[in-house]
Amino acid sequence: MNVNSLEIQNFRNIENIKIEPCDTVNIIYGENAQGKTNLLEALWLFTGCRSFRGSKEKEMILFDENLVSKDFSKLSMNFSDNNRNHSAEFLLSDKKKVIYDGIEHNSSSIFFGEFLGIIFAPQHLNLVKGGPSERRKFINQALCQLRPKYSNVLTDFNKILEQRNALLKDVSHHSELLATLDIWDERLALYSAIIITQRLRYLSELEPFIKDIYFGISSGKEKIGISYDSVITIKNDDVEILKEEILKELQKTRKEDIINGTTSIGPHRDDILITLDGLPVKNFGSQGQQRSCALSLKLAEAAVIKKITGKQPVAFLDDVMSELDASRQDYILNHIDGWQVFITCCDPSSILKSKTGKIFEIKGGKLCSST
């Protein structure tokens, strides 16, 4: 899978840039706040996932010198997948327009499973250091790319959860509504079981890859472990059995949920436990160990994509290689050899000295040079 061309108009601080990357290593360099990460963000949006910076789409439209927003932002990309060429377009204005191979769609989720990529940026250290929501986001995003229907299940689950929480708040004032909780519990239990099952199966695919990769990064100094951490006792990954278990737990916690006005169990409360030699790396790991674990997660994510889909995802590395020593850089680069990769940095001479590829210099949101 390769990006053949990208054109950006009025996106962040970029007024107009067009690049034609090579199919190996593409280095995007320049001083801080010049637009390097903006270029990666533009590419990443074509995976169908939200911005890895957590930004709203309206915030991505360029402001002019008078701090007045432009009328639109347009992203156009051509990419190839197994010798087939595709065109994709985003138009951000008052209303978002998405076009894939000439056909207009209402949602960017059309790109789930079509354009595959992995992103690693400094904030992804929160996969290890941050709270459970960061790790849930990681696994949800990975599953959306691999199994596009998972996105629909997740959307439906969140709607059901919102409805149940609203009902929990109303029940304390309108006891006649209590009977309707059974209906919402049934639906919540089903969607919870589907989500948890998909997550468990994904982690079973991820586990051997992350163990192998971390062993290489750390030179075998520690053993990494990864497991699903749920408030529900999970005996197996059968959806129907798990649904019944969740229903029982919802009954047990109903009184507490009504008092608090919120649902206390379910996949929205679960976590992924990452350990080194049996100890939680979040609490006991050094900065270097935490960074190595996060990198291992991302490389393992790519390996699972390749195994399941047969497609090699595009790698986006945002200003992270310079934080690694030479041996860790070499290990990472060996794992992305043969991929198309985009790497941002301030000084290209410090990275990939012996590698072939293309180098793009970005300054003030403009492409200054390409070699």
Protein backbone atom coordinates (compact mmCIF):
# COMPACT_ATOMS: atom_id res chain seq x y z
CA MET A 1 0.00 0.00 0.00
CA ASN A 2 1.51 3.31 -1.13
CA VAL A 3 0.62 6.98 -1.29
CA ASN A 4 1.37 8.16 -4.83
CA SER A 5 0.47 11.83 -4.45
CA LEU A 6 -1.02 14.24 -1.93
CA GLU A 7 -2.34 17.76 -2.45
CA ILE A 8 -3.29 19.98 0.49
CA GLN A 9 -5.20 23.26 0.34
CA ASN A 10 -6.02 25.53 3.28
CA PHE A 11 -5.26 22.91 5.90
CA ARG A 12 -3.86 24.10 9.24
CA ASN A 13 -0.98 26.42 8.25
CA ILE A 14 -0.64 24.89 4.77
CA GLU A 15 -2.12 27.00 1.97
CA ASN A 16 -1.09 24.78 -0.92
CA ILE A 17 1.32 21.85 -1.06
CA LYS A 18 1.57 18.97 -3.50
CA ILE A 19 4.00 16.09 -2.98
CA GLU A 20 4.74 12.87 -4.81
CA PRO A 21 6.39 10.61 -2.25
CA CYS A 22 8.54 7.60 -3.04
CA ASP A 23 7.46 4.10 -2.03
CA THR A 24 10.16 3.73 0.65
CA VAL A 25 11.33 6.38 3.13
CA ASN A 26 10.02 9.93 2.99
CA ILE A 27 11.59 12.39 5.40
CA ILE A 28 9.71 15.62 6.12
CA TYR A 29 11.95 18.07 7.91
CA GLY A 30 11.97 21.66 9.12
CA GLU A 31 11.94 23.72 12.29
CA ASN A 32 9.15 23.35 14.84
CA ALA A 33 5.67 24.67 13.99
CA GLN A 34 6.34 24.81 10.23
CA GLY A 35 3.72 22.24 9.15
CA LYS A 36 5.46 18.86 9.28
CA THR A 37 2.91 17.24 11.57
CA ASN A 38 0.08 18.90 9.65
CA LEU A 39 1.17 17.03 6.54
CA LEU A 40 1.13 13.70 8.41
CA GLU A 41 -2.26 14.54 9.89
CA ALA A 42 -3.66 15.16 6.40
CA LEU A 43 -2.45 11.74 5.27
CA TRP A 44 -3.72 10.03 8.42
CA LEU A 45 -7.29 11.28 7.92
CA PHE A 46 -7.56 9.02 4.86
CA THR A 47 -7.47 5.96 7.15
CA GLY A 48 -10.98 6.98 8.23
CA CYS A 49 -9.81 7.55 11.80
CA ARG A 50 -10.07 10.84 13.61
CA SER A 51 -7.09 13.15 13.94
CA PHE A 52 -4.40 11.68 16.18
CA ARG A 53 -4.17 15.15 17.72
CA GLY A 54 -7.76 15.04 18.93
CA SER A 55 -8.75 18.10 16.91
CA LYS A 56 -12.17 18.97 15.55
CA GLU A 57 -12.44 19.14 11.78
CA LYS A 58 -13.45 22.81 11.73
CA GLU A 59 -10.22 23.65 13.56
CA MET A 60 -8.23 22.24 10.64
CA ILE A 61 -9.27 24.91 8.13
CA LEU A 62 -6.55 27.52 7.52
CA PHE A 63 -6.82 30.98 9.06
CA ASP A 64 -5.43 33.86 6.99
CA GLU A 65 -3.14 36.66 8.22
CA ASN A 66 -6.17 38.46 9.70
CA LEU A 67 -7.13 35.33 11.65
CA VAL A 68 -10.19 34.85 9.44
CA SER A 69 -10.99 31.27 8.53
CA LYS A 70 -10.85 30.29 4.87
CA ASP A 71 -14.07 28.99 3.32
CA PHE A 72 -12.81 25.43 2.90
CA SER A 73 -10.00 22.96 3.31
CA LYS A 74 -9.36 20.34 0.64
CA LEU A 75 -7.23 17.19 0.78
CA SER A 76 -6.69 15.06 -2.31
CA MET A 77 -4.76 11.80 -2.36
CA ASN A 78 -4.01 9.07 -4.87
CA PHE A 79 -2.84 5.73 -3.51
CA SER A 80 -2.27 2.22 -4.75
CA ASP A 81 -3.32 -1.04 -3.16
CA ASN A 82 -2.24 -4.36 -4.67
CA ASN A 83 -1.59 -2.68 -8.05
CA ARG A 84 -4.97 -0.94 -8.03
CA ASN A 85 -5.05 2.84 -8.02
CA HIS A 86 -7.54 4.83 -5.95
CA SER A 87 -8.44 8.49 -5.57
CA ALA A 88 -9.69 10.02 -2.34
CA GLU A 89 -10.81 13.50 -1.38
CA PHE A 90 -11.82 15.42 1.75
CA LEU A 91 -13.57 18.77 1.50
CA LEU A 92 -14.00 20.47 4.87
CA SER A 93 -16.30 23.49 4.99
CA ASP A 94 -19.68 24.05 6.65
CA LYS A 95 -20.35 20.46 5.66
CA LYS A 96 -17.81 17.69 5.17
CA LYS A 97 -17.69 15.99 1.79
CA VAL A 98 -15.84 12.71 1.23
CA ILE A 99 -15.20 11.31 -2.25
CA TYR A 100 -13.70 7.87 -2.86
CA ASP A 101 -12.99 6.72 -6.41
CA GLY A 102 -15.35 9.36 -7.76
CA ILE A 103 -18.29 8.47 -5.50
CA GLU A 104 -19.45 10.87 -2.78
CA HIS A 105 -20.03 9.55 0.74
CA ASN A 106 -21.42 11.03 3.94
CA SER A 107 -18.72 9.75 6.27
CA SER A 108 -14.95 9.24 6.22
CA SER A 109 -15.57 5.77 7.67
CA ILE A 110 -15.73 4.66 4.02
CA PHE A 111 -11.91 4.58 4.21
CA PHE A 112 -11.87 1.99 7.02
CA GLY A 113 -10.14 -1.05 5.58
CA GLU A 114 -9.33 0.77 2.33
CA PHE A 115 -6.31 2.90 3.25
CA LEU A 116 -4.38 1.34 6.12
CA GLY A 117 -1.78 3.05 8.27
CA ILE A 118 -0.19 3.25 11.68
CA ILE A 119 0.81 6.48 13.42
CA PHE A 120 3.32 7.02 16.19
CA ALA A 121 3.68 10.51 17.63
CA PRO A 122 5.06 11.77 20.97
CA GLN A 123 1.57 11.79 22.50
CA HIS A 124 1.30 8.06 21.89
CA LEU A 125 3.50 7.53 24.92
CA ASN A 126 0.17 7.98 26.72
CA LEU A 127 -0.72 4.51 25.46
CA VAL A 128 1.45 3.36 28.35
CA LYS A 129 1.62 6.36 30.68
CA GLY A 130 -1.95 7.62 30.33
CA GLY A 131 -5.31 6.47 31.62
CA PRO A 132 -7.48 3.59 30.35
CA SER A 133 -9.22 5.77 27.75
CA GLU A 134 -5.94 6.04 25.79
CA ARG A 135 -5.62 2.27 25.51
CA ARG A 136 -9.31 1.83 24.68
CA LYS A 137 -8.84 4.40 21.92
CA PHE A 138 -5.87 2.43 20.59
CA ILE A 139 -7.73 -0.87 20.37
CA ASN A 140 -10.92 0.74 19.00
CA GLN A 141 -8.97 2.52 16.29
CA ALA A 142 -7.06 -0.63 15.34
CA LEU A 143 -10.29 -2.65 15.10
CA CYS A 144 -12.04 0.03 13.02
CA GLN A 145 -9.33 -0.26 10.38
CA LEU A 146 -9.39 -4.05 10.38
CA ARG A 147 -13.12 -4.62 10.76
CA PRO A 148 -15.13 -1.65 9.46
CA LYS A 149 -18.37 -3.01 10.97
CA TYR A 150 -16.81 -2.62 14.42
CA SER A 151 -17.15 1.15 13.98
CA ASN A 152 -20.92 0.79 13.58
CA VAL A 153 -21.16 -1.43 16.65
CA LEU A 154 -19.14 1.08 18.67
CA THR A 155 -21.36 3.96 17.52
CA ASP A 156 -24.52 2.03 18.43
CA PHE A 157 -23.07 1.06 21.81
CA ASN A 158 -22.29 4.68 22.67
CA LYS A 159 -25.83 5.73 21.76
CA ILE A 160 -27.31 2.96 23.94
CA LEU A 161 -24.98 3.88 26.79
CA GLU A 162 -26.01 7.52 26.53
CA GLN A 163 -29.70 6.57 26.59
CA ARG A 164 -29.23 4.27 29.59
CA ASN A 165 -27.31 6.92 31.53
CA ALA A 166 -30.03 9.48 30.81
CA LEU A 167 -32.64 6.99 32.03
CA LEU A 168 -30.65 6.27 35.20
CA LYS A 169 -30.76 9.98 36.05
CA ASP A 170 -34.53 10.16 35.40
CA VAL A 171 -35.45 7.00 37.34
CA SER A 172 -34.66 8.59 40.70
CA HIS A 173 -37.39 11.17 40.01
CA HIS A 174 -39.78 8.95 37.97
CA SER A 175 -39.87 5.44 39.42
CA GLU A 176 -42.33 4.31 36.75
CA LEU A 177 -39.41 4.35 34.29
CA LEU A 178 -37.59 1.60 36.17
CA ALA A 179 -39.20 -1.19 34.15
CA THR A 180 -37.79 0.21 30.91
CA LEU A 181 -34.25 -0.32 32.19
CA ASP A 182 -34.55 -4.02 31.34
CA ILE A 183 -34.87 -3.18 27.65
CA TRP A 184 -31.78 -0.99 27.67
CA ASP A 185 -29.82 -3.50 29.75
CA GLU A 186 -30.55 -6.22 27.20
CA ARG A 187 -29.28 -4.07 24.33
CA LEU A 188 -26.30 -2.77 26.28
CA ALA A 189 -25.27 -6.29 27.28
CA LEU A 190 -25.39 -7.51 23.67
CA TYR A 191 -23.30 -4.68 22.24
CA SER A 192 -20.90 -4.85 25.18
CA ALA A 193 -20.38 -8.56 24.56
CA ILE A 194 -19.68 -7.99 20.85
CA ILE A 195 -17.14 -5.25 21.58
CA ILE A 196 -15.35 -7.16 24.33
CA THR A 197 -15.21 -10.30 22.18
CA GLN A 198 -13.66 -8.39 19.28
CA ARG A 199 -11.11 -6.79 21.61
CA LEU A 200 -10.14 -10.13 23.14
CA ARG A 201 -9.60 -11.70 19.74
CA TYR A 202 -7.55 -8.72 18.58
CA LEU A 203 -5.29 -8.92 21.63
CA SER A 204 -4.73 -12.64 21.01
CA GLU A 205 -3.50 -11.69 17.50
CA LEU A 206 -1.36 -8.84 18.87
CA GLU A 207 0.30 -10.69 21.75
CA PRO A 208 2.89 -12.83 19.91
CA PHE A 209 3.99 -9.89 17.76
CA ILE A 210 4.41 -7.47 20.65
CA LYS A 211 6.40 -10.04 22.63
CA ASP A 212 8.76 -10.65 19.73
CA ILE A 213 9.19 -6.96 18.92
CA TYR A 214 9.78 -5.87 22.51
CA PHE A 215 12.31 -8.67 22.95
CA GLY A 216 14.24 -7.24 20.01
CA ILE A 217 13.99 -3.60 21.11
CA SER A 218 15.08 -4.36 24.68
CA SER A 219 17.66 -7.00 23.68
CA GLY A 220 15.73 -9.52 25.76
CA LYS A 221 16.19 -7.68 29.06
CA GLU A 222 12.53 -7.95 30.08
CA LYS A 223 9.42 -9.85 29.07
CA ILE A 224 6.37 -7.85 28.06
CA GLY A 225 2.83 -8.99 28.75
CA ILE A 226 -0.51 -7.69 27.50
CA SER A 227 -3.99 -8.65 28.70
CA TYR A 228 -7.56 -7.39 28.78
CA ASP A 229 -8.54 -5.88 32.12
CA SER A 230 -12.29 -5.81 32.71
CA VAL A 231 -14.56 -5.26 35.71
CA ILE A 232 -16.50 -8.25 34.36
CA THR A 233 -15.20 -11.77 34.91
CA ILE A 234 -14.67 -13.09 31.38
CA LYS A 235 -14.70 -16.88 31.15
CA ASN A 236 -14.59 -17.13 27.33
CA ASP A 237 -15.16 -15.04 24.21
CA ASP A 238 -18.54 -16.49 23.22
CA VAL A 239 -20.87 -13.52 22.62
CA GLU A 240 -24.05 -15.13 23.99
CA ILE A 241 -22.40 -16.45 27.16
CA LEU A 242 -20.66 -13.14 27.75
CA LYS A 243 -23.92 -11.26 27.17
CA GLU A 244 -25.61 -13.22 29.97
CA GLU A 245 -22.70 -12.55 32.33
CA ILE A 246 -22.92 -8.83 31.61
CA LEU A 247 -26.69 -8.84 32.19
CA LYS A 248 -26.13 -10.39 35.62
CA GLU A 249 -23.55 -7.74 36.48
CA LEU A 250 -25.86 -4.95 35.30
CA GLN A 251 -28.53 -6.27 37.67
CA LYS A 252 -26.05 -6.35 40.57
CA THR A 253 -24.90 -2.78 39.98
CA ARG A 254 -28.29 -1.27 39.07
CA LYS A 255 -28.92 0.32 42.47
CA GLU A 256 -25.48 1.89 42.51
CA ASP A 257 -25.87 3.04 38.89
CA ILE A 258 -29.17 4.79 39.69
CA ILE A 259 -27.59 6.58 42.65
CA ASN A 260 -24.63 7.72 40.54
CA GLY A 261 -26.60 8.29 37.34
CA THR A 262 -24.06 6.41 35.25
CA THR A 263 -23.27 2.90 34.02
CA SER A 264 -20.42 1.40 36.05
CA ILE A 265 -19.60 -1.67 33.98
CA GLY A 266 -19.00 -2.33 30.30
CA PRO A 267 -16.33 -1.91 27.62
CA HIS A 268 -16.32 1.87 28.23
CA ARG A 269 -14.70 1.14 31.62
CA ASP A 270 -12.26 -1.60 30.58
CA ASP A 271 -8.50 -1.32 30.18
CA ILE A 272 -5.53 -3.07 28.59
CA LEU A 273 -2.88 -4.11 31.10
CA ILE A 274 0.71 -3.88 29.87
CA THR A 275 3.37 -5.44 32.09
CA LEU A 276 7.12 -5.99 32.17
CA ASP A 277 8.17 -9.09 34.05
CA GLY A 278 4.69 -9.17 35.57
CA LEU A 279 4.65 -5.57 36.87
CA PRO A 280 2.48 -2.79 35.37
CA VAL A 281 4.79 -0.74 33.16
CA LYS A 282 2.68 2.36 33.77
CA ASN A 283 3.64 2.34 37.46
CA PHE A 284 7.01 0.62 37.51
CA GLY A 285 8.57 1.15 34.07
CA SER A 286 11.28 3.68 33.31
CA GLN A 287 10.81 6.34 30.61
CA GLY A 288 12.83 4.22 28.18
CA GLN A 289 10.84 1.09 28.97
CA GLN A 290 7.54 2.93 28.54
CA ARG A 291 8.65 4.36 25.19
CA SER A 292 9.79 0.92 24.03
CA CYS A 293 6.44 -0.60 25.04
CA ALA A 294 4.51 2.07 23.11
CA LEU A 295 6.66 1.56 20.01
CA SER A 296 6.21 -2.20 20.30
CA LEU A 297 2.44 -1.75 20.42
CA LYS A 298 2.47 0.27 17.22
CA LEU A 299 4.77 -2.09 15.31
CA ALA A 300 2.72 -5.05 16.50
CA GLU A 301 -0.42 -3.25 15.29
CA ALA A 302 1.11 -3.06 11.81
CA ALA A 303 2.06 -6.73 11.92
CA VAL A 304 -1.52 -7.73 12.75
CA ILE A 305 -2.85 -5.58 9.89
CA LYS A 306 -0.46 -7.33 7.49
CA LYS A 307 -1.37 -10.80 8.82
CA ILE A 308 -5.15 -10.29 8.64
CA THR A 309 -5.47 -8.23 5.46
CA GLY A 310 -2.33 -9.20 3.54
CA LYS A 311 -1.72 -5.45 3.06
CA GLN A 312 1.28 -3.56 4.39
CA PRO A 313 0.11 -0.38 6.15
CA VAL A 314 1.82 2.95 5.57
CA ALA A 315 3.86 4.06 8.61
CA PHE A 316 3.75 7.61 9.95
CA LEU A 317 6.42 8.49 12.53
CA ASP A 318 6.07 11.99 13.91
CA ASP A 319 9.25 13.34 15.53
CA VAL A 320 9.98 10.18 17.52
CA MET A 321 13.10 8.70 15.92
CA SER A 322 15.33 11.46 17.32
CA GLU A 323 14.34 10.38 20.83
CA LEU A 324 15.85 6.92 20.27
CA ASP A 325 19.46 5.85 20.49
CA ALA A 326 21.17 4.47 17.38
CA SER A 327 20.52 0.80 18.16
CA ARG A 328 16.80 1.34 18.75
CA GLN A 329 16.55 3.45 15.60
CA ASP A 330 18.17 0.65 13.63
CA TYR A 331 15.79 -1.94 15.09
CA ILE A 332 12.71 0.14 14.27
CA LEU A 333 13.93 0.87 10.76
CA ASN A 334 14.65 -2.81 10.14
CA HIS A 335 11.01 -3.52 10.96
CA ILE A 336 9.73 -0.93 8.51
CA ASP A 337 12.12 -1.89 5.74
CA GLY A 338 10.04 -2.47 2.61
CA TRP A 339 7.18 -0.26 3.84
CA GLN A 340 6.29 3.19 2.69
CA VAL A 341 7.11 5.41 5.66
CA PHE A 342 6.80 9.12 6.41
CA ILE A 343 9.11 10.46 9.11
CA THR A 344 9.13 14.01 10.45
CA CYS A 345 12.23 15.50 12.06
CA CYS A 346 14.10 18.77 12.53
CA ASP A 347 17.42 17.49 11.16
CA PRO A 348 17.37 14.82 8.43
CA SER A 349 21.08 14.15 8.79
CA SER A 350 20.47 12.48 12.15
CA ILE A 351 18.18 9.86 10.64
CA LEU A 352 18.56 7.27 7.91
CA LYS A 353 22.02 8.34 6.80
CA SER A 354 22.42 5.30 4.59
CA LYS A 355 18.81 4.99 3.44
CA THR A 356 17.49 5.87 0.02
CA GLY A 357 14.28 7.82 -0.34
CA LYS A 358 12.97 11.35 -0.61
CA ILE A 359 13.48 14.39 1.57
CA PHE A 360 10.95 17.24 1.77
CA GLU A 361 11.69 20.54 3.52
CA ILE A 362 8.70 22.36 5.01
CA LYS A 363 8.89 26.01 6.07
CA GLY A 364 5.99 28.26 6.99
CA GLY A 365 3.49 25.77 5.62
CA LYS A 366 5.22 25.70 2.24
CA LEU A 367 7.29 23.08 0.44
CA CYS A 368 10.75 24.63 0.10
CA SER A 369 12.62 21.75 -1.46
CA SER A 370 12.29 18.13 -2.50
CA THR A 371 15.21 15.78 -3.16
